[in-house]
Amino acid sequence: MELYIGQQALISIISHIFFTGVSFYALRAVMFDKWIAKHHVLQAQILYIFLSIVIGTSVSNFFLEISAWSRQLPYLF
């Protein structure tokens, strides 16, 4: 049982990091320059990182939940 919990934790960590990186890459296509006030570059970068984390975590949770639910489907029958 402990091995399963450890494997699940490792998969969750890798999934969160992967999808955060993908969302960071995808957000580079958005032109934030028009919405950011001048001389607030640091705040814009922090916002950019936080948006990447929020989007990446949400997508990762979605895929992890779908995976968990699909493993529970055999109990239906």
Protein backbone atom coordinates (compact mmCIF):
# COMPACT_ATOMS: atom_id res chain seq x y z
CA MET A 1 0.00 0.00 0.00
CA GLU A 2 2.82 2.41 0.86
CA LEU A 3 4.43 1.76 -2.53
CA TYR A 4 1.19 2.70 -4.31
CA ILE A 5 0.91 5.94 -2.31
CA GLY A 6 4.54 6.81 -3.12
CA GLN A 7 4.03 6.10 -6.82
CA GLN A 8 0.89 8.21 -6.87
CA ALA A 9 2.72 11.09 -5.19
CA LEU A 10 5.57 10.89 -7.71
CA ILE A 11 3.16 10.83 -10.65
CA SER A 12 1.29 13.82 -9.21
CA ILE A 13 4.48 15.86 -8.75
CA ILE A 14 5.71 15.07 -12.26
CA SER A 15 2.28 15.83 -13.72
CA HIS A 16 2.03 19.20 -11.97
CA ILE A 17 5.53 20.24 -13.04
CA PHE A 18 4.96 19.08 -16.63
CA PHE A 19 1.64 20.88 -17.08
CA THR A 20 2.95 24.02 -15.37
CA GLY A 21 5.80 24.06 -17.88
CA VAL A 22 3.41 23.51 -20.77
CA SER A 23 1.15 26.33 -19.58
CA PHE A 24 4.19 28.61 -19.15
CA TYR A 25 5.16 27.83 -22.75
CA ALA A 26 1.60 28.36 -23.99
CA LEU A 27 1.22 31.70 -22.19
CA ARG A 28 4.19 33.05 -24.13
CA ALA A 29 1.84 33.33 -27.12
CA VAL A 30 -0.36 35.86 -25.30
CA MET A 31 0.59 39.51 -25.71
CA PHE A 32 0.53 40.78 -22.13
CA ASP A 33 2.45 43.94 -23.05
CA LYS A 34 -0.76 45.80 -23.84
CA TRP A 35 -2.26 45.12 -20.40
CA ILE A 36 0.81 45.76 -18.23
CA ALA A 37 1.57 49.26 -17.00
CA LYS A 38 4.98 50.68 -17.78
CA HIS A 39 7.78 50.14 -15.25
CA HIS A 40 6.01 47.14 -13.69
CA VAL A 41 8.02 44.40 -15.34
CA LEU A 42 8.72 42.44 -12.14
CA GLN A 43 5.04 42.37 -11.18
CA ALA A 44 4.16 41.24 -14.70
CA GLN A 45 6.68 38.40 -14.51
CA ILE A 46 5.32 37.28 -11.14
CA LEU A 47 1.78 37.37 -12.51
CA TYR A 48 2.95 35.36 -15.52
CA ILE A 49 4.46 32.70 -13.26
CA PHE A 50 1.37 32.55 -11.03
CA LEU A 51 -0.93 32.19 -14.04
CA SER A 52 1.24 29.36 -15.30
CA ILE A 53 1.05 27.60 -11.95
CA VAL A 54 -2.73 28.02 -11.67
CA ILE A 55 -3.41 26.80 -15.21
CA GLY A 56 -0.88 23.96 -14.97
CA THR A 57 -2.21 22.75 -11.64
CA SER A 58 -5.81 22.84 -12.86
CA VAL A 59 -5.01 20.86 -15.99
CA SER A 60 -2.88 18.40 -14.02
CA ASN A 61 -5.67 17.85 -11.48
CA PHE A 62 -8.09 17.24 -14.33
CA PHE A 63 -5.90 14.51 -15.84
CA LEU A 64 -5.10 12.95 -12.47
CA GLU A 65 -8.80 12.79 -11.56
CA ILE A 66 -9.72 11.27 -14.94
CA SER A 67 -6.98 8.69 -14.39
CA ALA A 68 -8.23 7.86 -10.88
CA TRP A 69 -11.84 7.60 -12.05
CA SER A 70 -10.87 5.32 -14.92
CA ARG A 71 -9.14 2.99 -12.43
CA GLN A 72 -12.37 2.89 -10.41
CA LEU A 73 -14.57 1.89 -13.37
CA PRO A 74 -14.07 -1.88 -12.90
CA TYR A 75 -15.88 -1.58 -9.55
CA LEU A 76 -18.99 -0.55 -11.47
CA PHE A 77 -19.45 -4.08 -12.86
